[in-house]
Amino acid sequence: MARVAWAAKASRGYPIEWLLLWRDDLEPTPASIETNWYSVCESAAGVAGFVSAQPLADGKWDLSHLWVRPEWQGRGVGAALLLQAVSHCRELGGRTLVIVSDPGAEPFYRSMGAQRVGAEPSRPAGRELPVLELDLGLSELSPVSKLKTIHSLEAPDRSTGRSLDPSTDRSRVRSSVREFLLREAGSTRVLSRGSLHQVDELPCFLGRLGGRLVALLAYAVDDRGLEVVALHSSERALGFGTLLLDAAYAIAQRRACRRLWLTTTIENEPAIRFCIRRGLSLVAVHTDPIARSRRVHEMASVGESGQPAYGEVEFEHWL
């Protein structure tokens, strides 16, 4: 790992005298490996890159290391390692990832959703490093009538709620949900097994990255169980779909639902693959009049072939 860090830093053209000044920052120590979290990306030729993080306070984590061997840079290794860190910090209740970046790496972190919040001095004298923060937020948005409460999924007790800041314009939250739905799905309404849902009025889980709304899962609960009415993500490589689905499972169990289920159109191959890979069982393909009603409804789905998709595929998981 030390060799990878040295090679990555040297590839930016720094003089050897500066690299020697940064030796303690570049090389992982046995003590840090014992106490901090590490993940390593290996190739047939050895370590291609590695990442490390350690907890700070108040839900913050420090990205201690992220280095990629020069020949592996620009091939997705850095993004994969950063996502490993994001996933780990979220699982342990992290809300913010703090990144003290090399100036040359700042564009990469910003492209992944991080926002610059300041700078800190470095060596030699007069040099500064950008400080960025990556918002790991995932929150449950209550129905419109109960919008005054947000349930945090980052806390160990996921049922613990906290109030919105009094200055928050609650209508703007719903407005951002509607804008996201129109942008990602083309409508705020979904027709599922004969039921017309106004998605922006349903309880939702919202995934945010760098303060942006990038993912949404809306659900409804009735005697059939918990239905995932809508699931959308504008950042499909970041694992939000799986994270949101896990959140839906947690709510279903908390509400003593015996079943989680969802439908998608018969031509929505990415959604079908997503469900199968995450362990949901395909239980029915509906081509009845209810499914065909998508054709006359303004929310009629269009498959990847460009033709209207009239059938519905139903998935479920028994809890």
C-alpha atoms as a PDB file:
ATOM      1  CA  MET A   1       0.000   0.000   0.000  1.00  0.00           C
ATOM      2  CA  ALA A   2       2.853   2.398   0.766  1.00  0.00           C
ATOM      3  CA  ARG A   3       4.328   1.797  -2.676  1.00  0.00           C
ATOM      4  CA  VAL A   4       0.963   2.533  -4.292  1.00  0.00           C
ATOM      5  CA  ALA A   5       0.625   5.796  -2.337  1.00  0.00           C
ATOM      6  CA  TRP A   6       4.134   6.925  -3.256  1.00  0.00           C
ATOM      7  CA  ALA A   7       3.628   6.104  -6.934  1.00  0.00           C
ATOM      8  CA  ALA A   8       0.258   7.859  -7.053  1.00  0.00           C
ATOM      9  CA  LYS A   9       1.587  11.014  -5.393  1.00  0.00           C
ATOM     10  CA  ALA A  10       4.751  11.070  -7.514  1.00  0.00           C
ATOM     11  CA  SER A  11       2.671  10.783 -10.700  1.00  0.00           C
ATOM     12  CA  ARG A  12       1.486  14.359 -10.079  1.00  0.00           C
ATOM     13  CA  GLY A  13       5.007  15.647 -10.716  1.00  0.00           C
ATOM     14  CA  TYR A  14       5.954  16.696  -7.187  1.00  0.00           C
ATOM     15  CA  PRO A  15       9.720  16.973  -6.403  1.00  0.00           C
ATOM     16  CA  ILE A  16      11.234  14.267  -4.232  1.00  0.00           C
ATOM     17  CA  GLU A  17      11.949  16.800  -1.485  1.00  0.00           C
ATOM     18  CA  TRP A  18       8.216  17.425  -1.113  1.00  0.00           C
ATOM     19  CA  LEU A  19       7.384  13.718  -1.177  1.00  0.00           C
ATOM     20  CA  LEU A  20       9.792  13.160   1.705  1.00  0.00           C
ATOM     21  CA  LEU A  21       8.022  15.908   3.671  1.00  0.00           C
ATOM     22  CA  TRP A  22       4.766  13.989   3.234  1.00  0.00           C
ATOM     23  CA  ARG A  23       6.130  10.543   4.124  1.00  0.00           C
ATOM     24  CA  ASP A  24       4.021  10.219   7.290  1.00  0.00           C
ATOM     25  CA  ASP A  25       0.860  11.108   5.380  1.00  0.00           C
ATOM     26  CA  LEU A  26       1.563   8.690   2.537  1.00  0.00           C
ATOM     27  CA  GLU A  27       2.472   5.496   4.348  1.00  0.00           C
ATOM     28  CA  PRO A  28      -0.112   3.468   6.307  1.00  0.00           C
ATOM     29  CA  THR A  29       1.249   2.337   9.660  1.00  0.00           C
ATOM     30  CA  PRO A  30       0.651  -0.982  11.450  1.00  0.00           C
ATOM     31  CA  ALA A  31      -1.202   0.950  14.155  1.00  0.00           C
ATOM     32  CA  SER A  32      -3.560   2.605  11.652  1.00  0.00           C
ATOM     33  CA  ILE A  33      -4.247  -0.743   9.991  1.00  0.00           C
ATOM     34  CA  GLU A  34      -5.211  -2.153  13.393  1.00  0.00           C
ATOM     35  CA  THR A  35      -7.588   0.687  14.256  1.00  0.00           C
ATOM     36  CA  ASN A  36      -8.905   2.143  10.967  1.00  0.00           C
ATOM     37  CA  TRP A  37     -10.997   0.665   8.184  1.00  0.00           C
ATOM     38  CA  TYR A  38      -9.178  -0.281   4.955  1.00  0.00           C
ATOM     39  CA  SER A  39     -10.269  -1.715   1.617  1.00  0.00           C
ATOM     40  CA  VAL A  40      -7.827  -2.840  -1.063  1.00  0.00           C
ATOM     41  CA  CYS A  41      -8.357  -3.272  -4.797  1.00  0.00           C
ATOM     42  CA  GLU A  42      -6.134  -6.016  -6.166  1.00  0.00           C
ATOM     43  CA  SER A  43      -5.146  -6.909  -9.717  1.00  0.00           C
ATOM     44  CA  ALA A  44      -3.187  -9.875 -11.002  1.00  0.00           C
ATOM     45  CA  ALA A  45      -0.052  -7.729 -10.694  1.00  0.00           C
ATOM     46  CA  GLY A  46      -0.716  -6.714  -7.080  1.00  0.00           C
ATOM     47  CA  VAL A  47      -2.439  -3.867  -5.265  1.00  0.00           C
ATOM     48  CA  ALA A  48      -4.068  -1.447  -7.727  1.00  0.00           C
ATOM     49  CA  GLY A  49      -5.347   0.938  -5.073  1.00  0.00           C
ATOM     50  CA  PHE A  50      -6.607   1.250  -1.522  1.00  0.00           C
ATOM     51  CA  VAL A  51      -8.845   3.403   0.642  1.00  0.00           C
ATOM     52  CA  SER A  52      -9.026   4.028   4.376  1.00  0.00           C
ATOM     53  CA  ALA A  53     -11.420   5.880   6.677  1.00  0.00           C
ATOM     54  CA  GLN A  54     -11.693   6.568  10.381  1.00  0.00           C
ATOM     55  CA  PRO A  55     -14.536   7.952  12.512  1.00  0.00           C
ATOM     56  CA  LEU A  56     -14.416  11.492  13.835  1.00  0.00           C
ATOM     57  CA  ALA A  57     -17.285  12.998  15.857  1.00  0.00           C
ATOM     58  CA  ASP A  58     -20.920  13.930  15.232  1.00  0.00           C
ATOM     59  CA  GLY A  59     -21.432  11.412  12.439  1.00  0.00           C
ATOM     60  CA  LYS A  60     -18.364  12.525  10.492  1.00  0.00           C
ATOM     61  CA  TRP A  61     -15.739  10.215   9.006  1.00  0.00           C
ATOM     62  CA  ASP A  62     -12.297  11.133   7.716  1.00  0.00           C
ATOM     63  CA  LEU A  63     -11.116   9.754   4.380  1.00  0.00           C
ATOM     64  CA  SER A  64      -7.589   8.986   5.538  1.00  0.00           C
ATOM     65  CA  HIS A  65      -6.279   7.485   2.282  1.00  0.00           C
ATOM     66  CA  LEU A  66      -7.403   6.960  -1.287  1.00  0.00           C
ATOM     67  CA  TRP A  67      -4.607   6.068  -3.664  1.00  0.00           C
ATOM     68  CA  VAL A  68      -4.622   4.401  -7.078  1.00  0.00           C
ATOM     69  CA  ARG A  69      -1.545   3.139  -8.887  1.00  0.00           C
ATOM     70  CA  PRO A  70      -0.876   5.387 -11.938  1.00  0.00           C
ATOM     71  CA  GLU A  71      -1.511   2.681 -14.544  1.00  0.00           C
ATOM     72  CA  TRP A  72      -4.961   2.070 -13.004  1.00  0.00           C
ATOM     73  CA  GLN A  73      -6.000   5.712 -12.790  1.00  0.00           C
ATOM     74  CA  GLY A  74      -8.930   6.743 -14.980  1.00  0.00           C
ATOM     75  CA  ARG A  75     -10.318   3.201 -15.069  1.00  0.00           C
ATOM     76  CA  GLY A  76     -12.914   3.419 -12.295  1.00  0.00           C
ATOM     77  CA  VAL A  77     -10.762   2.072  -9.458  1.00  0.00           C
ATOM     78  CA  GLY A  78     -10.853   5.332  -7.495  1.00  0.00           C
ATOM     79  CA  ALA A  79     -14.632   5.612  -7.819  1.00  0.00           C
ATOM     80  CA  ALA A  80     -15.094   1.994  -6.729  1.00  0.00           C
ATOM     81  CA  LEU A  81     -12.886   2.502  -3.685  1.00  0.00           C
ATOM     82  CA  LEU A  82     -14.661   5.724  -2.718  1.00  0.00           C
ATOM     83  CA  LEU A  83     -18.018   3.948  -2.965  1.00  0.00           C
ATOM     84  CA  GLN A  84     -16.679   1.224  -0.666  1.00  0.00           C
ATOM     85  CA  ALA A  85     -15.871   3.917   1.884  1.00  0.00           C
ATOM     86  CA  VAL A  86     -19.268   5.583   1.435  1.00  0.00           C
ATOM     87  CA  SER A  87     -21.056   2.269   1.991  1.00  0.00           C
ATOM     88  CA  HIS A  88     -18.981   1.430   5.079  1.00  0.00           C
ATOM     89  CA  CYS A  89     -19.480   4.834   6.695  1.00  0.00           C
ATOM     90  CA  ARG A  90     -23.224   4.759   6.033  1.00  0.00           C
ATOM     91  CA  GLU A  91     -23.564   1.317   7.597  1.00  0.00           C
ATOM     92  CA  LEU A  92     -21.981   2.647  10.793  1.00  0.00           C
ATOM     93  CA  GLY A  93     -24.202   5.722  10.965  1.00  0.00           C
ATOM     94  CA  GLY A  94     -21.967   8.164   9.121  1.00  0.00           C
ATOM     95  CA  ARG A  95     -23.582  11.303   7.762  1.00  0.00           C
ATOM     96  CA  THR A  96     -20.585  13.142   6.298  1.00  0.00           C
ATOM     97  CA  LEU A  97     -17.299  12.045   4.762  1.00  0.00           C
ATOM     98  CA  VAL A  98     -14.535  14.649   5.251  1.00  0.00           C
ATOM     99  CA  ILE A  99     -11.889  14.691   2.519  1.00  0.00           C
ATOM    100  CA  VAL A 100      -8.590  16.588   2.717  1.00  0.00           C
ATOM    101  CA  SER A 101      -7.633  16.337  -0.919  1.00  0.00           C
ATOM    102  CA  ASP A 102      -4.590  16.787  -3.061  1.00  0.00           C
ATOM    103  CA  PRO A 103      -5.342  19.869  -5.203  1.00  0.00           C
ATOM    104  CA  GLY A 104      -5.123  17.744  -8.323  1.00  0.00           C
ATOM    105  CA  ALA A 105      -7.684  15.238  -7.005  1.00  0.00           C
ATOM    106  CA  GLU A 106     -10.312  17.843  -6.093  1.00  0.00           C
ATOM    107  CA  PRO A 107     -12.128  17.610  -9.468  1.00  0.00           C
ATOM    108  CA  PHE A 108     -12.548  13.846  -8.952  1.00  0.00           C
ATOM    109  CA  TYR A 109     -14.136  14.258  -5.529  1.00  0.00           C
ATOM    110  CA  ARG A 110     -16.374  17.065  -6.761  1.00  0.00           C
ATOM    111  CA  SER A 111     -17.531  14.849  -9.634  1.00  0.00           C
ATOM    112  CA  MET A 112     -18.545  12.283  -7.008  1.00  0.00           C
ATOM    113  CA  GLY A 113     -20.721  14.828  -5.206  1.00  0.00           C
ATOM    114  CA  ALA A 114     -18.341  16.318  -2.648  1.00  0.00           C
ATOM    115  CA  GLN A 115     -18.493  20.040  -1.905  1.00  0.00           C
ATOM    116  CA  ARG A 116     -15.533  22.214  -0.959  1.00  0.00           C
ATOM    117  CA  VAL A 117     -15.916  23.659   2.536  1.00  0.00           C
ATOM    118  CA  GLY A 118     -12.499  25.198   3.144  1.00  0.00           C
ATOM    119  CA  ALA A 119      -8.744  24.639   3.073  1.00  0.00           C
ATOM    120  CA  GLU A 120      -5.994  23.685   5.480  1.00  0.00           C
ATOM    121  CA  PRO A 121      -2.265  24.504   5.466  1.00  0.00           C
ATOM    122  CA  SER A 122       0.232  21.968   4.201  1.00  0.00           C
ATOM    123  CA  ARG A 123       3.955  21.723   3.665  1.00  0.00           C
ATOM    124  CA  PRO A 124       6.038  23.380   2.347  1.00  0.00           C
ATOM    125  CA  ALA A 125       4.970  26.733   3.827  1.00  0.00           C
ATOM    126  CA  GLY A 126       2.344  28.569   1.821  1.00  0.00           C
ATOM    127  CA  ARG A 127       0.801  25.443   0.329  1.00  0.00           C
ATOM    128  CA  GLU A 128      -2.882  24.642   1.048  1.00  0.00           C
ATOM    129  CA  LEU A 129      -5.033  21.551   0.639  1.00  0.00           C
ATOM    130  CA  PRO A 130      -8.730  21.760  -0.269  1.00  0.00           C
ATOM    131  CA  VAL A 131     -11.122  20.373   2.347  1.00  0.00           C
ATOM    132  CA  LEU A 132     -14.309  18.802   0.987  1.00  0.00           C
ATOM    133  CA  GLU A 133     -17.334  17.117   2.510  1.00  0.00           C
ATOM    134  CA  LEU A 134     -19.465  14.404   0.959  1.00  0.00           C
ATOM    135  CA  ASP A 135     -23.015  14.279   2.321  1.00  0.00           C
ATOM    136  CA  LEU A 136     -23.953  10.640   2.963  1.00  0.00           C
ATOM    137  CA  GLY A 137     -27.515  11.578   3.897  1.00  0.00           C
ATOM    138  CA  LEU A 138     -30.448   9.227   3.533  1.00  0.00           C
ATOM    139  CA  SER A 139     -33.697  10.236   5.177  1.00  0.00           C
ATOM    140  CA  GLU A 140     -37.285   9.100   5.278  1.00  0.00           C
ATOM    141  CA  LEU A 141     -39.716  11.749   4.123  1.00  0.00           C
ATOM    142  CA  SER A 142     -43.103  11.492   5.826  1.00  0.00           C
ATOM    143  CA  PRO A 143     -46.402  12.020   3.976  1.00  0.00           C
ATOM    144  CA  VAL A 144     -47.453  15.599   3.259  1.00  0.00           C
ATOM    145  CA  SER A 145     -49.710  15.707   6.295  1.00  0.00           C
ATOM    146  CA  LYS A 146     -46.787  14.701   8.542  1.00  0.00           C
ATOM    147  CA  LEU A 147     -43.972  16.512   6.818  1.00  0.00           C
ATOM    148  CA  LYS A 148     -42.947  18.137  10.096  1.00  0.00           C
ATOM    149  CA  THR A 149     -41.139  14.904  11.014  1.00  0.00           C
ATOM    150  CA  ILE A 150     -38.165  13.272   9.354  1.00  0.00           C
ATOM    151  CA  HIS A 151     -37.014   9.844  10.514  1.00  0.00           C
ATOM    152  CA  SER A 152     -33.277   9.445  10.346  1.00  0.00           C
ATOM    153  CA  LEU A 153     -31.985   6.137   9.041  1.00  0.00           C
ATOM    154  CA  GLU A 154     -28.467   6.961  10.088  1.00  0.00           C
ATOM    155  CA  ALA A 155     -29.175   6.692  13.800  1.00  0.00           C
ATOM    156  CA  PRO A 156     -28.871   3.263  15.462  1.00  0.00           C
ATOM    157  CA  ASP A 157     -32.548   3.518  16.406  1.00  0.00           C
ATOM    158  CA  ARG A 158     -34.109   3.990  13.001  1.00  0.00           C
ATOM    159  CA  SER A 159     -37.478   4.871  14.495  1.00  0.00           C
ATOM    160  CA  THR A 160     -36.094   8.004  16.181  1.00  0.00           C
ATOM    161  CA  GLY A 161     -37.467  11.130  14.537  1.00  0.00           C
ATOM    162  CA  ARG A 162     -36.216  14.650  14.384  1.00  0.00           C
ATOM    163  CA  SER A 163     -38.049  17.820  13.445  1.00  0.00           C
ATOM    164  CA  LEU A 164     -37.300  19.848  10.386  1.00  0.00           C
ATOM    165  CA  ASP A 165     -35.577  23.137  10.965  1.00  0.00           C
ATOM    166  CA  PRO A 166     -38.321  25.736  11.538  1.00  0.00           C
ATOM    167  CA  SER A 167     -36.916  27.787   8.679  1.00  0.00           C
ATOM    168  CA  THR A 168     -37.353  24.914   6.231  1.00  0.00           C
ATOM    169  CA  ASP A 169     -39.955  25.603   3.567  1.00  0.00           C
ATOM    170  CA  ARG A 170     -41.767  22.271   3.596  1.00  0.00           C
ATOM    171  CA  SER A 171     -43.432  22.926   0.265  1.00  0.00           C
ATOM    172  CA  ARG A 172     -39.969  23.204  -1.304  1.00  0.00           C
ATOM    173  CA  VAL A 173     -39.162  19.660  -0.161  1.00  0.00           C
ATOM    174  CA  ARG A 174     -42.208  18.290  -1.935  1.00  0.00           C
ATOM    175  CA  SER A 175     -41.496  20.518  -4.905  1.00  0.00           C
ATOM    176  CA  SER A 176     -38.016  19.024  -5.240  1.00  0.00           C
ATOM    177  CA  VAL A 177     -39.567  15.541  -5.108  1.00  0.00           C
ATOM    178  CA  ARG A 178     -41.977  16.451  -7.899  1.00  0.00           C
ATOM    179  CA  GLU A 179     -39.187  17.912 -10.010  1.00  0.00           C
ATOM    180  CA  PHE A 180     -37.090  14.787  -9.488  1.00  0.00           C
ATOM    181  CA  LEU A 181     -39.984  12.513 -10.515  1.00  0.00           C
ATOM    182  CA  LEU A 182     -40.744  14.541 -13.625  1.00  0.00           C
ATOM    183  CA  ARG A 183     -37.087  14.508 -14.601  1.00  0.00           C
ATOM    184  CA  GLU A 184     -36.463  10.810 -13.947  1.00  0.00           C
ATOM    185  CA  ALA A 185     -39.867   9.226 -14.664  1.00  0.00           C
ATOM    186  CA  GLY A 186     -41.769  11.795 -16.700  1.00  0.00           C
ATOM    187  CA  SER A 187     -44.717  11.882 -14.294  1.00  0.00           C
ATOM    188  CA  THR A 188     -45.636  12.091 -10.633  1.00  0.00           C
ATOM    189  CA  ARG A 189     -48.223   9.313 -10.997  1.00  0.00           C
ATOM    190  CA  VAL A 190     -47.881   5.531 -11.223  1.00  0.00           C
ATOM    191  CA  LEU A 191     -50.545   2.963 -12.083  1.00  0.00           C
ATOM    192  CA  SER A 192     -49.876  -0.374 -10.380  1.00  0.00           C
ATOM    193  CA  ARG A 193     -52.287  -3.339 -10.452  1.00  0.00           C
ATOM    194  CA  GLY A 194     -55.201  -1.012 -11.009  1.00  0.00           C
ATOM    195  CA  SER A 195     -54.274   1.483  -8.280  1.00  0.00           C
ATOM    196  CA  LEU A 196     -53.336   5.010  -9.272  1.00  0.00           C
ATOM    197  CA  HIS A 197     -50.684   6.453  -6.963  1.00  0.00           C
ATOM    198  CA  GLN A 198     -49.717  10.100  -6.654  1.00  0.00           C
ATOM    199  CA  VAL A 199     -46.091   9.382  -5.859  1.00  0.00           C
ATOM    200  CA  ASP A 200     -45.163  12.781  -4.443  1.00  0.00           C
ATOM    201  CA  GLU A 201     -47.869  12.365  -1.782  1.00  0.00           C
ATOM    202  CA  LEU A 202     -46.629   8.969  -0.593  1.00  0.00           C
ATOM    203  CA  PRO A 203     -44.107   8.340   2.185  1.00  0.00           C
ATOM    204  CA  CYS A 204     -40.665   8.247   0.632  1.00  0.00           C
ATOM    205  CA  PHE A 205     -37.045   7.544   1.299  1.00  0.00           C
ATOM    206  CA  LEU A 206     -34.776  10.147  -0.208  1.00  0.00           C
ATOM    207  CA  GLY A 207     -31.143   9.604  -1.105  1.00  0.00           C
ATOM    208  CA  ARG A 208     -28.946  12.682  -1.184  1.00  0.00           C
ATOM    209  CA  LEU A 209     -25.392  13.085  -2.367  1.00  0.00           C
ATOM    210  CA  GLY A 210     -23.544  16.348  -1.949  1.00  0.00           C
ATOM    211  CA  GLY A 211     -26.835  17.947  -0.908  1.00  0.00           C
ATOM    212  CA  ARG A 212     -28.551  16.899  -4.150  1.00  0.00           C
ATOM    213  CA  LEU A 213     -31.621  14.677  -4.345  1.00  0.00           C
ATOM    214  CA  VAL A 214     -30.368  11.756  -6.443  1.00  0.00           C
ATOM    215  CA  ALA A 215     -32.612   8.832  -5.481  1.00  0.00           C
ATOM    216  CA  LEU A 216     -36.130   8.148  -4.289  1.00  0.00           C
ATOM    217  CA  LEU A 217     -38.184   5.200  -3.126  1.00  0.00           C
ATOM    218  CA  ALA A 218     -41.931   5.726  -2.522  1.00  0.00           C
ATOM    219  CA  TYR A 219     -44.035   3.071  -0.822  1.00  0.00           C
ATOM    220  CA  ALA A 220     -47.574   2.236   0.274  1.00  0.00           C
ATOM    221  CA  VAL A 221     -48.754  -0.198   2.945  1.00  0.00           C
ATOM    222  CA  ASP A 222     -52.048  -2.112   2.852  1.00  0.00           C
ATOM    223  CA  ASP A 223     -53.311  -5.631   3.505  1.00  0.00           C
ATOM    224  CA  ARG A 224     -51.161  -6.920   0.630  1.00  0.00           C
ATOM    225  CA  GLY A 225     -47.972  -5.794   2.380  1.00  0.00           C
ATOM    226  CA  LEU A 226     -45.549  -3.009   1.618  1.00  0.00           C
ATOM    227  CA  GLU A 227     -45.540  -2.065  -2.039  1.00  0.00           C
ATOM    228  CA  VAL A 228     -42.551  -0.290  -3.522  1.00  0.00           C
ATOM    229  CA  VAL A 229     -44.512   2.057  -5.749  1.00  0.00           C
ATOM    230  CA  ALA A 230     -41.572   3.888  -7.289  1.00  0.00           C
ATOM    231  CA  LEU A 231     -37.799   3.515  -7.178  1.00  0.00           C
ATOM    232  CA  HIS A 232     -35.600   5.912  -9.137  1.00  0.00           C
ATOM    233  CA  SER A 233     -31.951   6.921  -9.010  1.00  0.00           C
ATOM    234  CA  SER A 234     -30.082   9.406 -11.151  1.00  0.00           C
ATOM    235  CA  GLU A 235     -26.745   8.029  -9.900  1.00  0.00           C
ATOM    236  CA  ARG A 236     -27.089   4.358 -10.734  1.00  0.00           C
ATOM    237  CA  ALA A 237     -23.454   3.458 -10.079  1.00  0.00           C
ATOM    238  CA  LEU A 238     -23.520   4.602  -6.450  1.00  0.00           C
ATOM    239  CA  GLY A 239     -25.646   1.833  -4.933  1.00  0.00           C
ATOM    240  CA  PHE A 240     -28.582   4.007  -3.896  1.00  0.00           C
ATOM    241  CA  GLY A 241     -31.124   1.529  -5.266  1.00  0.00           C
ATOM    242  CA  THR A 242     -29.910  -1.214  -2.947  1.00  0.00           C
ATOM    243  CA  LEU A 243     -29.660   1.192  -0.017  1.00  0.00           C
ATOM    244  CA  LEU A 244     -33.228   2.421  -0.529  1.00  0.00           C
ATOM    245  CA  LEU A 245     -34.551  -1.106  -0.907  1.00  0.00           C
ATOM    246  CA  ASP A 246     -32.876  -2.075   2.373  1.00  0.00           C
ATOM    247  CA  ALA A 247     -34.599   0.892   3.999  1.00  0.00           C
ATOM    248  CA  ALA A 248     -37.947  -0.321   2.658  1.00  0.00           C
ATOM    249  CA  TYR A 249     -37.298  -3.783   4.121  1.00  0.00           C
ATOM    250  CA  ALA A 250     -36.627  -2.184   7.508  1.00  0.00           C
ATOM    251  CA  ILE A 251     -39.906  -0.250   7.406  1.00  0.00           C
ATOM    252  CA  ALA A 252     -41.844  -3.335   6.294  1.00  0.00           C
ATOM    253  CA  GLN A 253     -40.499  -5.308   9.243  1.00  0.00           C
ATOM    254  CA  ARG A 254     -41.192  -2.455  11.644  1.00  0.00           C
ATOM    255  CA  ARG A 255     -44.789  -2.339  10.453  1.00  0.00           C
ATOM    256  CA  ALA A 256     -45.145  -6.130  10.745  1.00  0.00           C
ATOM    257  CA  CYS A 257     -45.727  -6.552   7.013  1.00  0.00           C
ATOM    258  CA  ARG A 258     -45.417 -10.131   5.853  1.00  0.00           C
ATOM    259  CA  ARG A 259     -44.537  -9.204   2.283  1.00  0.00           C
ATOM    260  CA  LEU A 260     -42.666  -6.588   0.253  1.00  0.00           C
ATOM    261  CA  TRP A 261     -43.683  -6.401  -3.381  1.00  0.00           C
ATOM    262  CA  LEU A 262     -43.461  -4.275  -6.501  1.00  0.00           C
ATOM    263  CA  THR A 263     -44.365  -4.276 -10.168  1.00  0.00           C
ATOM    264  CA  THR A 264     -42.570  -2.991 -13.213  1.00  0.00           C
ATOM    265  CA  THR A 265     -43.346  -2.982 -16.899  1.00  0.00           C
ATOM    266  CA  ILE A 266     -42.582  -6.066 -18.911  1.00  0.00           C
ATOM    267  CA  GLU A 267     -39.984  -4.287 -21.046  1.00  0.00           C
ATOM    268  CA  ASN A 268     -38.129  -2.593 -18.200  1.00  0.00           C
ATOM    269  CA  GLU A 269     -35.179  -4.959 -18.336  1.00  0.00           C
ATOM    270  CA  PRO A 270     -32.874  -2.960 -16.007  1.00  0.00           C
ATOM    271  CA  ALA A 271     -35.535  -2.966 -13.277  1.00  0.00           C
ATOM    272  CA  ILE A 272     -36.174  -6.684 -13.742  1.00  0.00           C
ATOM    273  CA  ARG A 273     -32.449  -7.448 -13.459  1.00  0.00           C
ATOM    274  CA  PHE A 274     -32.211  -5.237 -10.365  1.00  0.00           C
ATOM    275  CA  CYS A 275     -35.018  -7.158  -8.634  1.00  0.00           C
ATOM    276  CA  ILE A 276     -33.618 -10.578  -9.488  1.00  0.00           C
ATOM    277  CA  ARG A 277     -30.100  -9.681  -8.355  1.00  0.00           C
ATOM    278  CA  ARG A 278     -31.416  -8.467  -5.028  1.00  0.00           C
ATOM    279  CA  GLY A 279     -33.265 -11.638  -4.214  1.00  0.00           C
ATOM    280  CA  LEU A 280     -36.863 -10.777  -5.077  1.00  0.00           C
ATOM    281  CA  SER A 281     -38.911 -13.574  -6.591  1.00  0.00           C
ATOM    282  CA  LEU A 282     -40.756 -13.133  -9.868  1.00  0.00           C
ATOM    283  CA  VAL A 283     -44.268 -14.359  -9.065  1.00  0.00           C
ATOM    284  CA  ALA A 284     -46.445 -13.215 -11.960  1.00  0.00           C
ATOM    285  CA  VAL A 285     -46.546 -11.621 -15.388  1.00  0.00           C
ATOM    286  CA  HIS A 286     -49.810  -9.724 -15.842  1.00  0.00           C
ATOM    287  CA  THR A 287     -51.199  -9.063 -19.316  1.00  0.00           C
ATOM    288  CA  ASP A 288     -54.792  -8.598 -18.153  1.00  0.00           C
ATOM    289  CA  PRO A 289     -56.917  -5.471 -18.692  1.00  0.00           C
ATOM    290  CA  ILE A 290     -55.465  -3.896 -15.540  1.00  0.00           C
ATOM    291  CA  ALA A 291     -51.964  -4.151 -16.964  1.00  0.00           C
ATOM    292  CA  ARG A 292     -53.150  -2.973 -20.362  1.00  0.00           C
ATOM    293  CA  SER A 293     -54.685   0.093 -18.772  1.00  0.00           C
ATOM    294  CA  ARG A 294     -51.188   1.560 -18.771  1.00  0.00           C
ATOM    295  CA  ARG A 295     -51.726   2.078 -22.486  1.00  0.00           C
ATOM    296  CA  VAL A 296     -54.553   4.542 -22.044  1.00  0.00           C
ATOM    297  CA  HIS A 297     -53.188   6.165 -18.916  1.00  0.00           C
ATOM    298  CA  GLU A 298     -50.966   9.208 -19.356  1.00  0.00           C
ATOM    299  CA  MET A 299     -48.275   7.387 -17.348  1.00  0.00           C
ATOM    300  CA  ALA A 300     -48.056   4.625 -19.986  1.00  0.00           C
ATOM    301  CA  SER A 301     -44.536   3.232 -19.842  1.00  0.00           C
ATOM    302  CA  VAL A 302     -42.348   2.913 -22.901  1.00  0.00           C
ATOM    303  CA  GLY A 303     -39.879   0.061 -23.069  1.00  0.00           C
ATOM    304  CA  GLU A 304     -36.316   0.206 -24.278  1.00  0.00           C
ATOM    305  CA  SER A 305     -37.527  -0.772 -27.748  1.00  0.00           C
ATOM    306  CA  GLY A 306     -39.516   2.452 -27.893  1.00  0.00           C
ATOM    307  CA  GLN A 307     -42.838   0.599 -27.907  1.00  0.00           C
ATOM    308  CA  PRO A 308     -45.496   0.896 -25.174  1.00  0.00           C
ATOM    309  CA  ALA A 309     -45.113  -1.787 -22.498  1.00  0.00           C
ATOM    310  CA  TYR A 310     -48.562  -3.132 -21.593  1.00  0.00           C
ATOM    311  CA  GLY A 311     -47.666  -6.000 -19.283  1.00  0.00           C
ATOM    312  CA  GLU A 312     -46.648  -5.852 -15.651  1.00  0.00           C
ATOM    313  CA  VAL A 313     -44.095  -8.069 -13.955  1.00  0.00           C
ATOM    314  CA  GLU A 314     -44.686  -8.631 -10.236  1.00  0.00           C
ATOM    315  CA  PHE A 315     -41.906  -9.366  -7.743  1.00  0.00           C
ATOM    316  CA  GLU A 316     -42.168 -10.149  -4.053  1.00  0.00           C
ATOM    317  CA  HIS A 317     -40.203 -11.086  -0.968  1.00  0.00           C
ATOM    318  CA  TRP A 318     -41.810 -12.670   2.073  1.00  0.00           C
ATOM    319  CA  LEU A 319     -40.545 -11.339   5.384  1.00  0.00           C
END
